[in-house]
Amino acid sequence: MRTLLFLLVGVFTCAAYRFLISPLIQPYPMLLRLVPFTLAIFWFGIVLANMIIGITRAGYGAGEEIIIALVIFLPSALLLFWPALK
């Protein structure tokens, strides 16, 4: 359940980023490259903190938590960098 919540928050954060940044792309095209990296680093920090809490407090193994961290991080990262990949 917690993994699903983190996944949804990540996707909604990326969608909000796309919605908020779209009016600024025309006058500031550099934002299309700069902001995704900044948001990806921020989201990676949140995912990393979730992984550390899962290992230290919940007692899960590192292998289990790495897979969950990838499931949480990768869809959001792909949504962030999708226009750059085209």
PDB file of N, CA and C in Angstrom:
ATOM      1  N   MET A   1       0.823  -1.194   0.000  1.00  0.00           N
ATOM      2  CA  MET A   1       0.000   0.000   0.000  1.00  0.00           C
ATOM      3  C   MET A   1       0.864   1.254   0.000  1.00  0.00           C
ATOM      4  N   ARG A   2       1.905   1.231   0.801  1.00  0.00           N
ATOM      5  CA  ARG A   2       2.786   2.387   0.893  1.00  0.00           C
ATOM      6  C   ARG A   2       3.542   2.602  -0.422  1.00  0.00           C
ATOM      7  N   THR A   3       3.918   1.512  -1.072  1.00  0.00           N
ATOM      8  CA  THR A   3       4.595   1.615  -2.359  1.00  0.00           C
ATOM      9  C   THR A   3       3.684   2.261  -3.391  1.00  0.00           C
ATOM     10  N   LEU A   4       2.432   1.869  -3.400  1.00  0.00           N
ATOM     11  CA  LEU A   4       1.473   2.451  -4.331  1.00  0.00           C
ATOM     12  C   LEU A   4       1.297   3.947  -4.077  1.00  0.00           C
ATOM     13  N   LEU A   5       1.257   4.344  -2.820  1.00  0.00           N
ATOM     14  CA  LEU A   5       1.132   5.767  -2.490  1.00  0.00           C
ATOM     15  C   LEU A   5       2.340   6.560  -2.980  1.00  0.00           C
ATOM     16  N   PHE A   6       3.541   6.031  -2.756  1.00  0.00           N
ATOM     17  CA  PHE A   6       4.744   6.710  -3.225  1.00  0.00           C
ATOM     18  C   PHE A   6       4.755   6.794  -4.747  1.00  0.00           C
ATOM     19  N   LEU A   7       4.338   5.731  -5.408  1.00  0.00           N
ATOM     20  CA  LEU A   7       4.291   5.723  -6.864  1.00  0.00           C
ATOM     21  C   LEU A   7       3.309   6.767  -7.384  1.00  0.00           C
ATOM     22  N   LEU A   8       2.137   6.845  -6.782  1.00  0.00           N
ATOM     23  CA  LEU A   8       1.140   7.829  -7.199  1.00  0.00           C
ATOM     24  C   LEU A   8       1.598   9.261  -6.932  1.00  0.00           C
ATOM     25  N   VAL A   9       2.219   9.494  -5.798  1.00  0.00           N
ATOM     26  CA  VAL A   9       2.728  10.841  -5.496  1.00  0.00           C
ATOM     27  C   VAL A   9       3.798  11.238  -6.506  1.00  0.00           C
ATOM     28  N   GLY A  10       4.658  10.307  -6.865  1.00  0.00           N
ATOM     29  CA  GLY A  10       5.682  10.602  -7.865  1.00  0.00           C
ATOM     30  C   GLY A  10       5.097  10.936  -9.222  1.00  0.00           C
ATOM     31  N   VAL A  11       4.117  10.173  -9.644  1.00  0.00           N
ATOM     32  CA  VAL A  11       3.489  10.418 -10.944  1.00  0.00           C
ATOM     33  C   VAL A  11       2.726  11.739 -10.923  1.00  0.00           C
ATOM     34  N   PHE A  12       1.995  12.007  -9.849  1.00  0.00           N
ATOM     35  CA  PHE A  12       1.260  13.273  -9.758  1.00  0.00           C
ATOM     36  C   PHE A  12       2.208  14.469  -9.662  1.00  0.00           C
ATOM     37  N   THR A  13       3.337  14.303  -9.010  1.00  0.00           N
ATOM     38  CA  THR A  13       4.328  15.377  -8.947  1.00  0.00           C
ATOM     39  C   THR A  13       4.868  15.686 -10.331  1.00  0.00           C
ATOM     40  N   CYS A  14       5.148  14.645 -11.103  1.00  0.00           N
ATOM     41  CA  CYS A  14       5.633  14.856 -12.465  1.00  0.00           C
ATOM     42  C   CYS A  14       4.565  15.489 -13.346  1.00  0.00           C
ATOM     43  N   ALA A  15       3.328  15.068 -13.168  1.00  0.00           N
ATOM     44  CA  ALA A  15       2.240  15.665 -13.947  1.00  0.00           C
ATOM     45  C   ALA A  15       2.059  17.141 -13.582  1.00  0.00           C
ATOM     46  N   ALA A  16       2.150  17.448 -12.311  1.00  0.00           N
ATOM     47  CA  ALA A  16       2.042  18.848 -11.885  1.00  0.00           C
ATOM     48  C   ALA A  16       3.202  19.668 -12.441  1.00  0.00           C
ATOM     49  N   TYR A  17       4.385  19.073 -12.461  1.00  0.00           N
ATOM     50  CA  TYR A  17       5.534  19.752 -13.049  1.00  0.00           C
ATOM     51  C   TYR A  17       5.277  20.074 -14.515  1.00  0.00           C
ATOM     52  N   ARG A  18       4.768  19.099 -15.263  1.00  0.00           N
ATOM     53  CA  ARG A  18       4.478  19.316 -16.681  1.00  0.00           C
ATOM     54  C   ARG A  18       3.426  20.411 -16.870  1.00  0.00           C
ATOM     55  N   PHE A  19       2.428  20.407 -16.026  1.00  0.00           N
ATOM     56  CA  PHE A  19       1.363  21.399 -16.130  1.00  0.00           C
ATOM     57  C   PHE A  19       1.880  22.801 -15.788  1.00  0.00           C
ATOM     58  N   LEU A  20       2.706  22.910 -14.756  1.00  0.00           N
ATOM     59  CA  LEU A  20       3.184  24.216 -14.309  1.00  0.00           C
ATOM     60  C   LEU A  20       4.302  24.768 -15.173  1.00  0.00           C
ATOM     61  N   ILE A  21       5.108  23.887 -15.761  1.00  0.00           N
ATOM     62  CA  ILE A  21       6.265  24.352 -16.515  1.00  0.00           C
ATOM     63  C   ILE A  21       5.920  24.685 -17.962  1.00  0.00           C
ATOM     64  N   SER A  22       4.797  24.187 -18.468  1.00  0.00           N
ATOM     65  CA  SER A  22       4.470  24.371 -19.887  1.00  0.00           C
ATOM     66  C   SER A  22       4.367  25.842 -20.316  1.00  0.00           C
ATOM     67  N   PRO A  23       3.818  26.755 -19.517  1.00  0.00           N
ATOM     68  CA  PRO A  23       3.798  28.158 -19.979  1.00  0.00           C
ATOM     69  C   PRO A  23       5.182  28.810 -19.991  1.00  0.00           C
ATOM     70  N   LEU A  24       6.126  28.259 -19.251  1.00  0.00           N
ATOM     71  CA  LEU A  24       7.443  28.877 -19.157  1.00  0.00           C
ATOM     72  C   LEU A  24       8.451  28.338 -20.163  1.00  0.00           C
ATOM     73  N   ILE A  25       8.092  27.294 -20.901  1.00  0.00           N
ATOM     74  CA  ILE A  25       9.046  26.688 -21.825  1.00  0.00           C
ATOM     75  C   ILE A  25       9.356  27.626 -22.984  1.00  0.00           C
ATOM     76  N   GLN A  26       8.359  28.317 -23.482  1.00  0.00           N
ATOM     77  CA  GLN A  26       8.571  29.209 -24.622  1.00  0.00           C
ATOM     78  C   GLN A  26       9.587  30.317 -24.313  1.00  0.00           C
ATOM     79  N   PRO A  27       9.426  31.086 -23.231  1.00  0.00           N
ATOM     80  CA  PRO A  27      10.421  32.133 -22.984  1.00  0.00           C
ATOM     81  C   PRO A  27      11.730  31.615 -22.387  1.00  0.00           C
ATOM     82  N   TYR A  28      11.688  30.471 -21.700  1.00  0.00           N
ATOM     83  CA  TYR A  28      12.883  29.924 -21.047  1.00  0.00           C
ATOM     84  C   TYR A  28      13.070  28.461 -21.442  1.00  0.00           C
ATOM     85  N   PRO A  29      13.587  28.168 -22.615  1.00  0.00           N
ATOM     86  CA  PRO A  29      13.702  26.773 -23.055  1.00  0.00           C
ATOM     87  C   PRO A  29      14.695  25.956 -22.228  1.00  0.00           C
ATOM     88  N   MET A  30      15.593  26.600 -21.523  1.00  0.00           N
ATOM     89  CA  MET A  30      16.558  25.881 -20.693  1.00  0.00           C
ATOM     90  C   MET A  30      15.868  25.147 -19.541  1.00  0.00           C
ATOM     91  N   LEU A  31      14.696  25.628 -19.134  1.00  0.00           N
ATOM     92  CA  LEU A  31      13.962  24.969 -18.048  1.00  0.00           C
ATOM     93  C   LEU A  31      13.573  23.545 -18.407  1.00  0.00           C
ATOM     94  N   LEU A  32      13.397  23.270 -19.688  1.00  0.00           N
ATOM     95  CA  LEU A  32      13.022  21.929 -20.121  1.00  0.00           C
ATOM     96  C   LEU A  32      14.113  20.919 -19.799  1.00  0.00           C
ATOM     97  N   ARG A  33      15.363  21.378 -19.703  1.00  0.00           N
ATOM     98  CA  ARG A  33      16.462  20.476 -19.365  1.00  0.00           C
ATOM     99  C   ARG A  33      16.893  20.577 -17.906  1.00  0.00           C
ATOM    100  N   LEU A  34      16.784  21.754 -17.328  1.00  0.00           N
ATOM    101  CA  LEU A  34      17.291  21.970 -15.976  1.00  0.00           C
ATOM    102  C   LEU A  34      16.358  21.444 -14.894  1.00  0.00           C
ATOM    103  N   VAL A  35      15.090  21.752 -14.990  1.00  0.00           N
ATOM    104  CA  VAL A  35      14.141  21.407 -13.936  1.00  0.00           C
ATOM    105  C   VAL A  35      13.950  19.893 -13.790  1.00  0.00           C
ATOM    106  N   PRO A  36      13.905  19.106 -14.870  1.00  0.00           N
ATOM    107  CA  PRO A  36      13.761  17.656 -14.659  1.00  0.00           C
ATOM    108  C   PRO A  36      14.903  17.052 -13.841  1.00  0.00           C
ATOM    109  N   PHE A  37      16.127  17.511 -14.070  1.00  0.00           N
ATOM    110  CA  PHE A  37      17.243  16.994 -13.281  1.00  0.00           C
ATOM    111  C   PHE A  37      17.093  17.356 -11.807  1.00  0.00           C
ATOM    112  N   THR A  38      16.694  18.582 -11.542  1.00  0.00           N
ATOM    113  CA  THR A  38      16.501  19.023 -10.168  1.00  0.00           C
ATOM    114  C   THR A  38      15.388  18.233  -9.489  1.00  0.00           C
ATOM    115  N   LEU A  39      14.288  18.057 -10.177  1.00  0.00           N
ATOM    116  CA  LEU A  39      13.174  17.304  -9.611  1.00  0.00           C
ATOM    117  C   LEU A  39      13.519  15.827  -9.453  1.00  0.00           C
ATOM    118  N   ALA A  40      14.290  15.273 -10.390  1.00  0.00           N
ATOM    119  CA  ALA A  40      14.705  13.874 -10.290  1.00  0.00           C
ATOM    120  C   ALA A  40      15.628  13.659  -9.087  1.00  0.00           C
ATOM    121  N   ILE A  41      16.533  14.582  -8.835  1.00  0.00           N
ATOM    122  CA  ILE A  41      17.415  14.464  -7.674  1.00  0.00           C
ATOM    123  C   ILE A  41      16.613  14.569  -6.381  1.00  0.00           C
ATOM    124  N   PHE A  42      15.670  15.478  -6.346  1.00  0.00           N
ATOM    125  CA  PHE A  42      14.806  15.619  -5.173  1.00  0.00           C
ATOM    126  C   PHE A  42      13.991  14.343  -4.947  1.00  0.00           C
ATOM    127  N   TRP A  43      13.394  13.801  -5.997  1.00  0.00           N
ATOM    128  CA  TRP A  43      12.579  12.594  -5.867  1.00  0.00           C
ATOM    129  C   TRP A  43      13.458  11.395  -5.501  1.00  0.00           C
ATOM    130  N   PHE A  44      14.675  11.324  -6.040  1.00  0.00           N
ATOM    131  CA  PHE A  44      15.587  10.241  -5.682  1.00  0.00           C
ATOM    132  C   PHE A  44      15.932  10.304  -4.201  1.00  0.00           C
ATOM    133  N   GLY A  45      16.097  11.500  -3.654  1.00  0.00           N
ATOM    134  CA  GLY A  45      16.356  11.640  -2.221  1.00  0.00           C
ATOM    135  C   GLY A  45      15.203  11.122  -1.377  1.00  0.00           C
ATOM    136  N   ILE A  46      13.975  11.402  -1.809  1.00  0.00           N
ATOM    137  CA  ILE A  46      12.810  10.904  -1.080  1.00  0.00           C
ATOM    138  C   ILE A  46      12.742   9.386  -1.164  1.00  0.00           C
ATOM    139  N   VAL A  47      12.986   8.833  -2.342  1.00  0.00           N
ATOM    140  CA  VAL A  47      12.966   7.380  -2.520  1.00  0.00           C
ATOM    141  C   VAL A  47      14.082   6.725  -1.709  1.00  0.00           C
ATOM    142  N   LEU A  48      15.254   7.346  -1.683  1.00  0.00           N
ATOM    143  CA  LEU A  48      16.370   6.812  -0.903  1.00  0.00           C
ATOM    144  C   LEU A  48      16.054   6.833   0.587  1.00  0.00           C
ATOM    145  N   ALA A  49      15.433   7.906   1.075  1.00  0.00           N
ATOM    146  CA  ALA A  49      15.037   7.965   2.485  1.00  0.00           C
ATOM    147  C   ALA A  49      14.010   6.883   2.804  1.00  0.00           C
ATOM    148  N   ASN A  50      13.066   6.652   1.899  1.00  0.00           N
ATOM    149  CA  ASN A  50      12.082   5.594   2.092  1.00  0.00           C
ATOM    150  C   ASN A  50      12.763   4.224   2.152  1.00  0.00           C
ATOM    151  N   MET A  51      13.764   4.030   1.305  1.00  0.00           N
ATOM    152  CA  MET A  51      14.487   2.766   1.296  1.00  0.00           C
ATOM    153  C   MET A  51      15.255   2.559   2.599  1.00  0.00           C
ATOM    154  N   ILE A  52      15.896   3.587   3.080  1.00  0.00           N
ATOM    155  CA  ILE A  52      16.666   3.481   4.327  1.00  0.00           C
ATOM    156  C   ILE A  52      15.732   3.202   5.501  1.00  0.00           C
ATOM    157  N   ILE A  53      14.592   3.861   5.534  1.00  0.00           N
ATOM    158  CA  ILE A  53      13.618   3.597   6.604  1.00  0.00           C
ATOM    159  C   ILE A  53      13.102   2.172   6.516  1.00  0.00           C
ATOM    160  N   GLY A  54      12.864   1.689   5.307  1.00  0.00           N
ATOM    161  CA  GLY A  54      12.401   0.319   5.140  1.00  0.00           C
ATOM    162  C   GLY A  54      13.425  -0.704   5.611  1.00  0.00           C
ATOM    163  N   ILE A  55      14.688  -0.414   5.420  1.00  0.00           N
ATOM    164  CA  ILE A  55      15.740  -1.345   5.830  1.00  0.00           C
ATOM    165  C   ILE A  55      15.967  -1.276   7.331  1.00  0.00           C
ATOM    166  N   THR A  56      16.045  -0.060   7.882  1.00  0.00           N
ATOM    167  CA  THR A  56      16.413   0.069   9.294  1.00  0.00           C
ATOM    168  C   THR A  56      15.253  -0.147  10.253  1.00  0.00           C
ATOM    169  N   ARG A  57      14.084   0.373   9.925  1.00  0.00           N
ATOM    170  CA  ARG A  57      12.969   0.293  10.874  1.00  0.00           C
ATOM    171  C   ARG A  57      12.017  -0.865  10.608  1.00  0.00           C
ATOM    172  N   ALA A  58      11.721  -1.119   9.333  1.00  0.00           N
ATOM    173  CA  ALA A  58      10.740  -2.162   9.017  1.00  0.00           C
ATOM    174  C   ALA A  58      11.377  -3.540   8.947  1.00  0.00           C
ATOM    175  N   GLY A  59      12.688  -3.591   8.817  1.00  0.00           N
ATOM    176  CA  GLY A  59      13.381  -4.867   8.824  1.00  0.00           C
ATOM    177  C   GLY A  59      13.420  -5.585   7.484  1.00  0.00           C
ATOM    178  N   TYR A  60      13.160  -4.884   6.393  1.00  0.00           N
ATOM    179  CA  TYR A  60      13.248  -5.504   5.079  1.00  0.00           C
ATOM    180  C   TYR A  60      14.701  -5.606   4.655  1.00  0.00           C
ATOM    181  N   GLY A  61      14.970  -6.508   3.737  1.00  0.00           N
ATOM    182  CA  GLY A  61      16.321  -6.658   3.225  1.00  0.00           C
ATOM    183  C   GLY A  61      16.634  -5.603   2.181  1.00  0.00           C
ATOM    184  N   ALA A  62      17.926  -5.382   1.962  1.00  0.00           N
ATOM    185  CA  ALA A  62      18.348  -4.369   0.995  1.00  0.00           C
ATOM    186  C   ALA A  62      17.915  -4.743  -0.419  1.00  0.00           C
ATOM    187  N   GLY A  63      17.961  -6.020  -0.753  1.00  0.00           N
ATOM    188  CA  GLY A  63      17.546  -6.460  -2.080  1.00  0.00           C
ATOM    189  C   GLY A  63      16.082  -6.182  -2.353  1.00  0.00           C
ATOM    190  N   GLU A  64      15.257  -6.408  -1.353  1.00  0.00           N
ATOM    191  CA  GLU A  64      13.825  -6.127  -1.507  1.00  0.00           C
ATOM    192  C   GLU A  64      13.570  -4.631  -1.676  1.00  0.00           C
ATOM    193  N   GLU A  65      14.246  -3.852  -0.886  1.00  0.00           N
ATOM    194  CA  GLU A  65      14.018  -2.406  -0.908  1.00  0.00           C
ATOM    195  C   GLU A  65      14.572  -1.747  -2.170  1.00  0.00           C
ATOM    196  N   ILE A  66      15.642  -2.293  -2.718  1.00  0.00           N
ATOM    197  CA  ILE A  66      16.180  -1.720  -3.961  1.00  0.00           C
ATOM    198  C   ILE A  66      15.181  -1.905  -5.097  1.00  0.00           C
ATOM    199  N   ILE A  67      14.561  -3.076  -5.153  1.00  0.00           N
ATOM    200  CA  ILE A  67      13.560  -3.319  -6.196  1.00  0.00           C
ATOM    201  C   ILE A  67      12.375  -2.373  -6.027  1.00  0.00           C
ATOM    202  N   ILE A  68      11.915  -2.202  -4.800  1.00  0.00           N
ATOM    203  CA  ILE A  68      10.798  -1.291  -4.543  1.00  0.00           C
ATOM    204  C   ILE A  68      11.195   0.150  -4.876  1.00  0.00           C
ATOM    205  N   ALA A  69      12.422   0.526  -4.545  1.00  0.00           N
ATOM    206  CA  ALA A  69      12.888   1.881  -4.858  1.00  0.00           C
ATOM    207  C   ALA A  69      12.904   2.115  -6.367  1.00  0.00           C
ATOM    208  N   LEU A  70      13.310   1.118  -7.126  1.00  0.00           N
ATOM    209  CA  LEU A  70      13.297   1.261  -8.578  1.00  0.00           C
ATOM    210  C   LEU A  70      11.877   1.362  -9.129  1.00  0.00           C
ATOM    211  N   VAL A  71      10.978   0.581  -8.548  1.00  0.00           N
ATOM    212  CA  VAL A  71       9.570   0.646  -8.976  1.00  0.00           C
ATOM    213  C   VAL A  71       8.982   2.018  -8.673  1.00  0.00           C
ATOM    214  N   ILE A  72       9.397   2.624  -7.594  1.00  0.00           N
ATOM    215  CA  ILE A  72       8.891   3.949  -7.231  1.00  0.00           C
ATOM    216  C   ILE A  72       9.547   5.042  -8.078  1.00  0.00           C
ATOM    217  N   PHE A  73      10.844   4.938  -8.319  1.00  0.00           N
ATOM    218  CA  PHE A  73      11.587   6.023  -8.960  1.00  0.00           C
ATOM    219  C   PHE A  73      11.484   6.023 -10.485  1.00  0.00           C
ATOM    220  N   LEU A  74      11.585   4.874 -11.122  1.00  0.00           N
ATOM    221  CA  LEU A  74      11.701   4.837 -12.574  1.00  0.00           C
ATOM    222  C   LEU A  74      10.488   5.376 -13.339  1.00  0.00           C
ATOM    223  N   PRO A  75       9.242   5.056 -12.971  1.00  0.00           N
ATOM    224  CA  PRO A  75       8.135   5.655 -13.737  1.00  0.00           C
ATOM    225  C   PRO A  75       8.123   7.183 -13.673  1.00  0.00           C
ATOM    226  N   SER A  76       8.426   7.727 -12.521  1.00  0.00           N
ATOM    227  CA  SER A  76       8.465   9.192 -12.397  1.00  0.00           C
ATOM    228  C   SER A  76       9.606   9.778 -13.218  1.00  0.00           C
ATOM    229  N   ALA A  77      10.753   9.126 -13.187  1.00  0.00           N
ATOM    230  CA  ALA A  77      11.892   9.620 -13.958  1.00  0.00           C
ATOM    231  C   ALA A  77      11.614   9.549 -15.458  1.00  0.00           C
ATOM    232  N   LEU A  78      10.966   8.495 -15.886  1.00  0.00           N
ATOM    233  CA  LEU A  78      10.626   8.392 -17.305  1.00  0.00           C
ATOM    234  C   LEU A  78       9.635   9.481 -17.719  1.00  0.00           C
ATOM    235  N   LEU A  79       8.680   9.779 -16.860  1.00  0.00           N
ATOM    236  CA  LEU A  79       7.740  10.859 -17.167  1.00  0.00           C
ATOM    237  C   LEU A  79       8.439  12.211 -17.214  1.00  0.00           C
ATOM    238  N   LEU A  80       9.422  12.401 -16.359  1.00  0.00           N
ATOM    239  CA  LEU A  80      10.144  13.680 -16.352  1.00  0.00           C
ATOM    240  C   LEU A  80      10.963  13.879 -17.617  1.00  0.00           C
ATOM    241  N   PHE A  81      11.639  12.827 -18.048  1.00  0.00           N
ATOM    242  CA  PHE A  81      12.591  12.960 -19.155  1.00  0.00           C
ATOM    243  C   PHE A  81      12.006  12.522 -20.490  1.00  0.00           C
ATOM    244  N   TRP A  82      10.721  12.236 -20.556  1.00  0.00           N
ATOM    245  CA  TRP A  82      10.104  11.785 -21.796  1.00  0.00           C
ATOM    246  C   TRP A  82      10.284  12.783 -22.942  1.00  0.00           C
ATOM    247  N   PRO A  83      10.054  14.083 -22.760  1.00  0.00           N
ATOM    248  CA  PRO A  83      10.259  15.015 -23.893  1.00  0.00           C
ATOM    249  C   PRO A  83      11.721  15.081 -24.331  1.00  0.00           C
ATOM    250  N   ALA A  84      12.644  14.895 -23.422  1.00  0.00           N
ATOM    251  CA  ALA A  84      14.058  14.939 -23.779  1.00  0.00           C
ATOM    252  C   ALA A  84      14.488  13.685 -24.542  1.00  0.00           C
ATOM    253  N   LEU A  85      13.754  12.575 -24.358  1.00  0.00           N
ATOM    254  CA  LEU A  85      14.097  11.331 -25.029  1.00  0.00           C
ATOM    255  C   LEU A  85      13.587  11.285 -26.460  1.00  0.00           C
ATOM    256  N   LYS A  86      12.663  12.149 -26.809  1.00  0.00           N
ATOM    257  CA  LYS A  86      12.109  12.146 -28.166  1.00  0.00           C
ATOM    258  C   LYS A  86      13.090  12.696 -29.160  1.00  0.00           C
TER     259      LYS A  86
END
